[in-house]
């Protein structure tokens, strides 16, 4: 019994989306859906940390207004 399944070479261009063509996602062993889910997960983790960390520091006794009211420059 022979296995006649053909595998596509990673160096050949595919007829994928413009994201795949622009960032060569398929050639790197991934797909557009996986990359979008990873990007969304990273974004939500950053939003969570921006919201939760200041409130945890405030609960620990740090004065949040002292640092937020002064300009950085």
PDB file of N, CA and C in Angstrom:
ATOM      1  N   UNK A   1       0.847  -1.171   0.000  1.00  0.00           N
ATOM      2  CA  UNK A   1       0.000   0.000   0.000  1.00  0.00           C
ATOM      3  C   UNK A   1       0.895   1.236   0.000  1.00  0.00           C
ATOM      4  N   UNK A   2       0.676   2.112  -0.939  1.00  0.00           N
ATOM      5  CA  UNK A   2       1.504   3.307  -1.048  1.00  0.00           C
ATOM      6  C   UNK A   2       0.713   4.531  -0.613  1.00  0.00           C
ATOM      7  N   UNK A   3       1.433   5.440  -0.046  1.00  0.00           N
ATOM      8  CA  UNK A   3       0.826   6.694   0.400  1.00  0.00           C
ATOM      9  C   UNK A   3       1.007   7.724  -0.701  1.00  0.00           C
ATOM     10  N   UNK A   4      -0.081   8.110  -1.364  1.00  0.00           N
ATOM     11  CA  UNK A   4      -0.019   9.021  -2.501  1.00  0.00           C
ATOM     12  C   UNK A   4      -0.409  10.451  -2.133  1.00  0.00           C
ATOM     13  N   UNK A   5      -0.384  10.766  -0.868  1.00  0.00           N
ATOM     14  CA  UNK A   5      -0.737  12.137  -0.500  1.00  0.00           C
ATOM     15  C   UNK A   5       0.418  13.058  -0.837  1.00  0.00           C
ATOM     16  N   UNK A   6       0.091  14.179  -1.405  1.00  0.00           N
ATOM     17  CA  UNK A   6       1.127  15.138  -1.774  1.00  0.00           C
ATOM     18  C   UNK A   6       1.198  16.225  -0.713  1.00  0.00           C
ATOM     19  N   UNK A   7       2.398  16.601  -0.392  1.00  0.00           N
ATOM     20  CA  UNK A   7       2.586  17.697   0.554  1.00  0.00           C
ATOM     21  C   UNK A   7       3.098  18.901  -0.202  1.00  0.00           C
ATOM     22  N   UNK A   8       2.614  20.051   0.177  1.00  0.00           N
ATOM     23  CA  UNK A   8       3.015  21.285  -0.486  1.00  0.00           C
ATOM     24  C   UNK A   8       4.329  21.762   0.101  1.00  0.00           C
ATOM     25  N   UNK A   9       5.255  22.125  -0.756  1.00  0.00           N
ATOM     26  CA  UNK A   9       6.544  22.648  -0.318  1.00  0.00           C
ATOM     27  C   UNK A   9       6.333  24.022   0.304  1.00  0.00           C
ATOM     28  N   UNK A  10       7.004  24.280   1.419  1.00  0.00           N
ATOM     29  CA  UNK A  10       6.831  25.560   2.108  1.00  0.00           C
ATOM     30  C   UNK A  10       7.414  26.730   1.345  1.00  0.00           C
ATOM     31  N   UNK A  11       8.225  26.495   0.332  1.00  0.00           N
ATOM     32  CA  UNK A  11       8.830  27.585  -0.421  1.00  0.00           C
ATOM     33  C   UNK A  11       7.982  28.037  -1.603  1.00  0.00           C
ATOM     34  N   UNK A  12       6.919  27.322  -1.899  1.00  0.00           N
ATOM     35  CA  UNK A  12       6.074  27.707  -3.021  1.00  0.00           C
ATOM     36  C   UNK A  12       5.014  28.680  -2.534  1.00  0.00           C
ATOM     37  N   UNK A  13       4.687  29.692  -3.340  1.00  0.00           N
ATOM     38  CA  UNK A  13       3.670  30.657  -2.922  1.00  0.00           C
ATOM     39  C   UNK A  13       2.295  30.015  -2.882  1.00  0.00           C
ATOM     40  N   UNK A  14       1.490  30.435  -1.941  1.00  0.00           N
ATOM     41  CA  UNK A  14       0.137  29.913  -1.817  1.00  0.00           C
ATOM     42  C   UNK A  14      -0.858  30.986  -2.229  1.00  0.00           C
ATOM     43  N   UNK A  15      -2.090  30.562  -2.422  1.00  0.00           N
ATOM     44  CA  UNK A  15      -3.155  31.497  -2.775  1.00  0.00           C
ATOM     45  C   UNK A  15      -3.904  31.917  -1.519  1.00  0.00           C
ATOM     46  N   UNK A  16      -3.180  32.203  -0.447  1.00  0.00           N
ATOM     47  CA  UNK A  16      -3.784  32.589   0.814  1.00  0.00           C
ATOM     48  C   UNK A  16      -4.179  34.043   0.835  1.00  0.00           C
ATOM     49  N   UNK A  17      -4.456  34.501   2.025  1.00  0.00           N
ATOM     50  CA  UNK A  17      -4.885  35.884   2.191  1.00  0.00           C
ATOM     51  C   UNK A  17      -3.713  36.836   2.037  1.00  0.00           C
ATOM     52  N   UNK A  18      -4.025  38.124   1.991  1.00  0.00           N
ATOM     53  CA  UNK A  18      -2.960  39.118   1.854  1.00  0.00           C
ATOM     54  C   UNK A  18      -2.083  39.143   3.097  1.00  0.00           C
ATOM     55  N   UNK A  19      -2.643  38.802   4.272  1.00  0.00           N
ATOM     56  CA  UNK A  19      -1.826  38.719   5.481  1.00  0.00           C
ATOM     57  C   UNK A  19      -0.784  37.619   5.356  1.00  0.00           C
ATOM     58  N   UNK A  20      -1.214  36.488   4.822  1.00  0.00           N
ATOM     59  CA  UNK A  20      -0.297  35.365   4.641  1.00  0.00           C
ATOM     60  C   UNK A  20       0.789  35.710   3.636  1.00  0.00           C
ATOM     61  N   UNK A  21       0.406  36.376   2.571  1.00  0.00           N
ATOM     62  CA  UNK A  21       1.395  36.758   1.558  1.00  0.00           C
ATOM     63  C   UNK A  21       2.351  37.819   2.091  1.00  0.00           C
ATOM     64  N   UNK A  22       1.847  38.763   2.861  1.00  0.00           N
ATOM     65  CA  UNK A  22       2.672  39.871   3.358  1.00  0.00           C
ATOM     66  C   UNK A  22       3.675  39.419   4.410  1.00  0.00           C
ATOM     67  N   UNK A  23       3.217  38.593   5.357  1.00  0.00           N
ATOM     68  CA  UNK A  23       4.058  38.209   6.485  1.00  0.00           C
ATOM     69  C   UNK A  23       4.608  36.786   6.375  1.00  0.00           C
ATOM     70  N   UNK A  24       4.323  36.102   5.258  1.00  0.00           N
ATOM     71  CA  UNK A  24       4.831  34.744   5.011  1.00  0.00           C
ATOM     72  C   UNK A  24       4.504  33.800   6.168  1.00  0.00           C
ATOM     73  N   UNK A  25       3.259  33.847   6.600  1.00  0.00           N
ATOM     74  CA  UNK A  25       2.841  33.077   7.766  1.00  0.00           C
ATOM     75  C   UNK A  25       2.919  31.580   7.498  1.00  0.00           C
ATOM     76  N   UNK A  26       2.449  31.121   6.356  1.00  0.00           N
ATOM     77  CA  UNK A  26       2.472  29.697   6.038  1.00  0.00           C
ATOM     78  C   UNK A  26       3.890  29.166   5.944  1.00  0.00           C
ATOM     79  N   UNK A  27       4.778  29.968   5.415  1.00  0.00           N
ATOM     80  CA  UNK A  27       6.166  29.524   5.284  1.00  0.00           C
ATOM     81  C   UNK A  27       6.837  29.376   6.642  1.00  0.00           C
ATOM     82  N   UNK A  28       6.312  30.028   7.645  1.00  0.00           N
ATOM     83  CA  UNK A  28       6.888  29.942   8.988  1.00  0.00           C
ATOM     84  C   UNK A  28       6.224  28.860   9.826  1.00  0.00           C
ATOM     85  N   UNK A  29       5.330  28.090   9.221  1.00  0.00           N
ATOM     86  CA  UNK A  29       4.714  26.967   9.917  1.00  0.00           C
ATOM     87  C   UNK A  29       3.497  27.325  10.749  1.00  0.00           C
ATOM     88  N   UNK A  30       2.832  28.412  10.434  1.00  0.00           N
ATOM     89  CA  UNK A  30       1.659  28.827  11.183  1.00  0.00           C
ATOM     90  C   UNK A  30       0.526  29.094  10.207  1.00  0.00           C
ATOM     91  N   UNK A  31      -0.575  29.608  10.706  1.00  0.00           N
ATOM     92  CA  UNK A  31      -1.669  30.020   9.834  1.00  0.00           C
ATOM     93  C   UNK A  31      -2.237  31.333  10.351  1.00  0.00           C
ATOM     94  N   UNK A  32      -3.050  31.967   9.553  1.00  0.00           N
ATOM     95  CA  UNK A  32      -3.563  33.303   9.874  1.00  0.00           C
ATOM     96  C   UNK A  32      -4.412  33.260  11.142  1.00  0.00           C
ATOM     97  N   UNK A  33      -5.245  32.248  11.284  1.00  0.00           N
ATOM     98  CA  UNK A  33      -6.107  32.153  12.464  1.00  0.00           C
ATOM     99  C   UNK A  33      -5.273  32.062  13.737  1.00  0.00           C
ATOM    100  N   UNK A  34      -4.262  31.235  13.741  1.00  0.00           N
ATOM    101  CA  UNK A  34      -3.413  31.081  14.920  1.00  0.00           C
ATOM    102  C   UNK A  34      -2.725  32.400  15.278  1.00  0.00           C
ATOM    103  N   UNK A  35      -2.258  33.114  14.279  1.00  0.00           N
ATOM    104  CA  UNK A  35      -1.579  34.385  14.535  1.00  0.00           C
ATOM    105  C   UNK A  35      -2.546  35.445  15.053  1.00  0.00           C
ATOM    106  N   UNK A  36      -3.772  35.470  14.523  1.00  0.00           N
ATOM    107  CA  UNK A  36      -4.763  36.430  15.010  1.00  0.00           C
ATOM    108  C   UNK A  36      -5.174  36.131  16.447  1.00  0.00           C
ATOM    109  N   UNK A  37      -5.347  34.855  16.780  1.00  0.00           N
ATOM    110  CA  UNK A  37      -5.685  34.477  18.153  1.00  0.00           C
ATOM    111  C   UNK A  37      -4.540  34.833  19.096  1.00  0.00           C
ATOM    112  N   UNK A  38      -3.308  34.596  18.673  1.00  0.00           N
ATOM    113  CA  UNK A  38      -2.147  34.942  19.504  1.00  0.00           C
ATOM    114  C   UNK A  38      -2.055  36.452  19.711  1.00  0.00           C
ATOM    115  N   UNK A  39      -2.305  37.225  18.671  1.00  0.00           N
ATOM    116  CA  UNK A  39      -2.275  38.680  18.799  1.00  0.00           C
ATOM    117  C   UNK A  39      -3.369  39.194  19.717  1.00  0.00           C
ATOM    118  N   UNK A  40      -4.561  38.642  19.590  1.00  0.00           N
ATOM    119  CA  UNK A  40      -5.670  39.044  20.453  1.00  0.00           C
ATOM    120  C   UNK A  40      -5.388  38.677  21.906  1.00  0.00           C
ATOM    121  N   UNK A  41      -4.832  37.491  22.130  1.00  0.00           N
ATOM    122  CA  UNK A  41      -4.483  37.063  23.481  1.00  0.00           C
ATOM    123  C   UNK A  41      -3.445  37.990  24.099  1.00  0.00           C
ATOM    124  N   UNK A  42      -2.439  38.354  23.326  1.00  0.00           N
ATOM    125  CA  UNK A  42      -1.410  39.270  23.822  1.00  0.00           C
ATOM    126  C   UNK A  42      -2.001  40.636  24.146  1.00  0.00           C
ATOM    127  N   UNK A  43      -2.868  41.127  23.276  1.00  0.00           N
ATOM    128  CA  UNK A  43      -3.507  42.421  23.509  1.00  0.00           C
ATOM    129  C   UNK A  43      -4.335  42.403  24.788  1.00  0.00           C
ATOM    130  N   UNK A  44      -5.136  41.354  24.978  1.00  0.00           N
ATOM    131  CA  UNK A  44      -5.971  41.270  26.173  1.00  0.00           C
ATOM    132  C   UNK A  44      -5.125  41.127  27.438  1.00  0.00           C
ATOM    133  N   UNK A  45      -4.004  40.425  27.358  1.00  0.00           N
ATOM    134  CA  UNK A  45      -3.106  40.312  28.512  1.00  0.00           C
ATOM    135  C   UNK A  45      -2.526  41.674  28.876  1.00  0.00           C
ATOM    136  N   UNK A  46      -2.185  42.472  27.877  1.00  0.00           N
ATOM    137  CA  UNK A  46      -1.651  43.806  28.155  1.00  0.00           C
ATOM    138  C   UNK A  46      -2.721  44.718  28.750  1.00  0.00           C
ATOM    139  N   UNK A  47      -3.939  44.647  28.238  1.00  0.00           N
ATOM    140  CA  UNK A  47      -5.036  45.446  28.788  1.00  0.00           C
ATOM    141  C   UNK A  47      -5.286  45.052  30.242  1.00  0.00           C
ATOM    142  N   UNK A  48      -5.280  43.761  30.508  1.00  0.00           N
ATOM    143  CA  UNK A  48      -5.474  43.264  31.873  1.00  0.00           C
ATOM    144  C   UNK A  48      -4.395  43.805  32.802  1.00  0.00           C
ATOM    145  N   UNK A  49      -3.150  43.755  32.361  1.00  0.00           N
ATOM    146  CA  UNK A  49      -2.064  44.206  33.236  1.00  0.00           C
ATOM    147  C   UNK A  49      -2.098  45.719  33.443  1.00  0.00           C
ATOM    148  N   UNK A  50      -2.522  46.466  32.441  1.00  0.00           N
ATOM    149  CA  UNK A  50      -2.617  47.921  32.591  1.00  0.00           C
ATOM    150  C   UNK A  50      -3.721  48.289  33.582  1.00  0.00           C
ATOM    151  N   UNK A  51      -4.762  47.490  33.653  1.00  0.00           N
ATOM    152  CA  UNK A  51      -5.871  47.781  34.563  1.00  0.00           C
ATOM    153  C   UNK A  51      -5.617  47.216  35.957  1.00  0.00           C
ATOM    154  N   UNK A  52      -5.130  45.986  36.047  1.00  0.00           N
ATOM    155  CA  UNK A  52      -5.032  45.300  37.334  1.00  0.00           C
ATOM    156  C   UNK A  52      -3.817  45.736  38.145  1.00  0.00           C
ATOM    157  N   UNK A  53      -2.662  45.895  37.517  1.00  0.00           N
ATOM    158  CA  UNK A  53      -1.439  46.211  38.267  1.00  0.00           C
ATOM    159  C   UNK A  53      -1.562  47.532  39.026  1.00  0.00           C
ATOM    160  N   UNK A  54      -2.055  48.612  38.422  1.00  0.00           N
ATOM    161  CA  UNK A  54      -2.205  49.840  39.219  1.00  0.00           C
ATOM    162  C   UNK A  54      -3.161  49.678  40.402  1.00  0.00           C
ATOM    163  N   UNK A  55      -4.228  48.912  40.223  1.00  0.00           N
ATOM    164  CA  UNK A  55      -5.153  48.725  41.345  1.00  0.00           C
ATOM    165  C   UNK A  55      -4.522  47.870  42.441  1.00  0.00           C
ATOM    166  N   UNK A  56      -3.692  46.899  42.070  1.00  0.00           N
ATOM    167  CA  UNK A  56      -2.984  46.106  43.081  1.00  0.00           C
ATOM    168  C   UNK A  56      -1.974  46.967  43.828  1.00  0.00           C
ATOM    169  N   UNK A  57      -1.275  47.838  43.108  1.00  0.00           N
ATOM    170  CA  UNK A  57      -0.328  48.735  43.766  1.00  0.00           C
ATOM    171  C   UNK A  57      -1.056  49.708  44.688  1.00  0.00           C
ATOM    172  N   UNK A  58      -2.213  50.176  44.260  1.00  0.00           N
ATOM    173  CA  UNK A  58      -3.010  51.058  45.111  1.00  0.00           C
ATOM    174  C   UNK A  58      -3.490  50.347  46.363  1.00  0.00           C
ATOM    175  N   UNK A  59      -3.886  49.082  46.223  1.00  0.00           N
ATOM    176  CA  UNK A  59      -4.324  48.311  47.385  1.00  0.00           C
ATOM    177  C   UNK A  59      -3.163  48.022  48.329  1.00  0.00           C
ATOM    178  N   UNK A  60      -1.937  47.997  47.798  1.00  0.00           N
ATOM    179  CA  UNK A  60      -0.758  47.739  48.626  1.00  0.00           C
ATOM    180  C   UNK A  60      -0.275  48.994  49.338  1.00  0.00           C
ATOM    181  N   UNK A  61      -0.863  50.148  49.027  1.00  0.00           N
ATOM    182  CA  UNK A  61      -0.514  51.358  49.739  1.00  0.00           C
ATOM    183  C   UNK A  61       0.229  52.396  48.929  1.00  0.00           C
ATOM    184  N   UNK A  62       0.510  52.132  47.677  1.00  0.00           N
ATOM    185  CA  UNK A  62       1.171  53.133  46.843  1.00  0.00           C
ATOM    186  C   UNK A  62       0.164  54.213  46.473  1.00  0.00           C
ATOM    187  N   UNK A  63       0.597  55.447  46.468  1.00  0.00           N
ATOM    188  CA  UNK A  63      -0.277  56.558  46.117  1.00  0.00           C
ATOM    189  C   UNK A  63      -0.291  56.704  44.599  1.00  0.00           C
ATOM    190  N   UNK A  64      -1.386  56.308  43.977  1.00  0.00           N
ATOM    191  CA  UNK A  64      -1.478  56.352  42.519  1.00  0.00           C
ATOM    192  C   UNK A  64      -1.533  57.778  42.004  1.00  0.00           C
ATOM    193  N   UNK A  65      -2.230  58.667  42.689  1.00  0.00           N
ATOM    194  CA  UNK A  65      -2.407  60.038  42.202  1.00  0.00           C
ATOM    195  C   UNK A  65      -1.089  60.797  42.175  1.00  0.00           C
ATOM    196  N   UNK A  66      -0.185  60.464  43.060  1.00  0.00           N
ATOM    197  CA  UNK A  66       1.105  61.146  43.104  1.00  0.00           C
ATOM    198  C   UNK A  66       1.859  60.952  41.792  1.00  0.00           C
ATOM    199  N   UNK A  67       1.795  59.770  41.223  1.00  0.00           N
ATOM    200  CA  UNK A  67       2.544  59.482  40.007  1.00  0.00           C
ATOM    201  C   UNK A  67       1.778  59.866  38.745  1.00  0.00           C
ATOM    202  N   UNK A  68       0.478  59.873  38.810  1.00  0.00           N
ATOM    203  CA  UNK A  68      -0.318  60.188  37.632  1.00  0.00           C
ATOM    204  C   UNK A  68      -0.468  61.688  37.417  1.00  0.00           C
ATOM    205  N   UNK A  69      -0.337  62.490  38.479  1.00  0.00           N
ATOM    206  CA  UNK A  69      -0.571  63.923  38.334  1.00  0.00           C
ATOM    207  C   UNK A  69       0.658  64.689  37.857  1.00  0.00           C
ATOM    208  N   UNK A  70       1.849  64.112  37.969  1.00  0.00           N
ATOM    209  CA  UNK A  70       3.066  64.802  37.557  1.00  0.00           C
ATOM    210  C   UNK A  70       3.393  64.484  36.105  1.00  0.00           C
ATOM    211  N   UNK A  71       3.788  65.486  35.324  1.00  0.00           N
ATOM    212  CA  UNK A  71       4.174  65.204  33.937  1.00  0.00           C
ATOM    213  C   UNK A  71       5.482  64.412  33.883  1.00  0.00           C
ATOM    214  N   UNK A  72       5.654  63.673  32.835  1.00  0.00           N
ATOM    215  CA  UNK A  72       6.823  62.824  32.672  1.00  0.00           C
ATOM    216  C   UNK A  72       8.041  63.651  32.304  1.00  0.00           C
ATOM    217  N   UNK A  73       7.874  64.702  31.537  1.00  0.00           N
ATOM    218  CA  UNK A  73       9.014  65.480  31.061  1.00  0.00           C
ATOM    219  C   UNK A  73       9.471  66.500  32.037  1.00  0.00           C
TER     220      UNK A  73
END
